[in-house]
């Protein structure tokens, strides 16, 4: 069998690394955020942390989308 000259188009690339940020946000930050006693706007800090995580995840997805579009052959 012949080996292809270029890698297949599917699979993970370095430009997909920002997608790890939401996972790390949850795994690493939630145990810390759960212990914070500060209650902004009379809501638990953990809820604010989760809402910020949604924004961070959306930004990470948008960044990877732009990077994928820039790397696509034209």
Protein backbone atom coordinates (compact mmCIF):
# COMPACT_ATOMS: atom_id res chain seq x y z
CA UNK A 1 0.00 0.00 0.00
CA UNK A 2 1.17 3.48 -0.78
CA UNK A 3 1.33 6.08 1.94
CA UNK A 4 -0.50 9.33 1.16
CA UNK A 5 1.69 12.40 0.72
CA UNK A 6 -0.51 14.59 2.86
CA UNK A 7 -2.47 13.83 6.03
CA UNK A 8 -6.18 13.20 5.68
CA UNK A 9 -8.41 16.25 5.90
CA UNK A 10 -10.26 14.96 8.97
CA UNK A 11 -8.82 14.61 12.44
CA UNK A 12 -7.51 16.93 15.09
CA UNK A 13 -5.12 19.76 14.43
CA UNK A 14 -3.36 22.27 16.67
CA UNK A 15 -5.99 24.84 15.73
CA UNK A 16 -8.57 22.72 17.60
CA UNK A 17 -6.78 23.12 20.95
CA UNK A 18 -8.97 26.07 22.07
CA UNK A 19 -11.83 23.56 22.30
CA UNK A 20 -10.13 22.16 25.40
CA UNK A 21 -10.68 25.45 27.23
CA UNK A 22 -14.39 24.88 28.07
CA UNK A 23 -13.57 21.39 29.37
CA UNK A 24 -10.75 22.72 31.52
CA UNK A 25 -13.03 25.56 32.66
CA UNK A 26 -15.45 22.98 34.07
CA UNK A 27 -13.02 20.40 35.40
CA UNK A 28 -10.53 22.82 36.89
CA UNK A 29 -12.60 25.83 37.80
CA UNK A 30 -15.87 24.51 39.16
CA UNK A 31 -14.38 22.96 42.32
CA UNK A 32 -12.75 26.31 43.05
CA UNK A 33 -15.80 28.39 42.10
CA UNK A 34 -18.07 26.27 44.27
CA UNK A 35 -16.18 27.41 47.35
CA UNK A 36 -16.41 31.15 46.65
CA UNK A 37 -18.82 32.85 49.06
CA UNK A 38 -19.21 36.09 47.06
CA UNK A 39 -22.79 36.44 45.73
CA UNK A 40 -22.94 39.04 42.93
CA UNK A 41 -26.48 40.24 42.19
CA UNK A 42 -27.79 37.87 44.89
CA UNK A 43 -26.96 34.74 42.92
CA UNK A 44 -24.45 32.03 43.76
CA UNK A 45 -20.98 32.62 42.35
CA UNK A 46 -21.03 29.14 40.81
CA UNK A 47 -23.98 30.19 38.63
CA UNK A 48 -22.08 33.26 37.45
CA UNK A 49 -19.04 31.04 36.77
CA UNK A 50 -21.17 28.68 34.66
CA UNK A 51 -22.67 31.58 32.70
CA UNK A 52 -19.18 32.93 32.02
CA UNK A 53 -18.21 29.42 30.90
CA UNK A 54 -20.93 29.50 28.25
CA UNK A 55 -19.47 32.73 26.88
CA UNK A 56 -15.92 31.31 26.95
CA UNK A 57 -17.09 28.14 25.16
CA UNK A 58 -18.86 30.20 22.49
CA UNK A 59 -15.74 32.28 21.91
CA UNK A 60 -13.59 29.14 21.67
CA UNK A 61 -15.95 27.62 19.10
CA UNK A 62 -15.99 30.86 17.09
CA UNK A 63 -12.19 30.99 17.15
CA UNK A 64 -11.85 27.40 15.92
CA UNK A 65 -14.44 28.08 13.23
CA UNK A 66 -12.40 31.03 11.97
CA UNK A 67 -9.15 29.06 12.12
CA UNK A 68 -10.72 26.15 10.21
CA UNK A 69 -12.09 28.51 7.58
CA UNK A 70 -8.68 30.14 7.17
CA UNK A 71 -6.97 26.75 6.84
CA UNK A 72 -9.44 25.36 4.30
CA UNK A 73 -8.17 25.07 0.74
CA UNK A 74 -9.64 27.69 -1.54
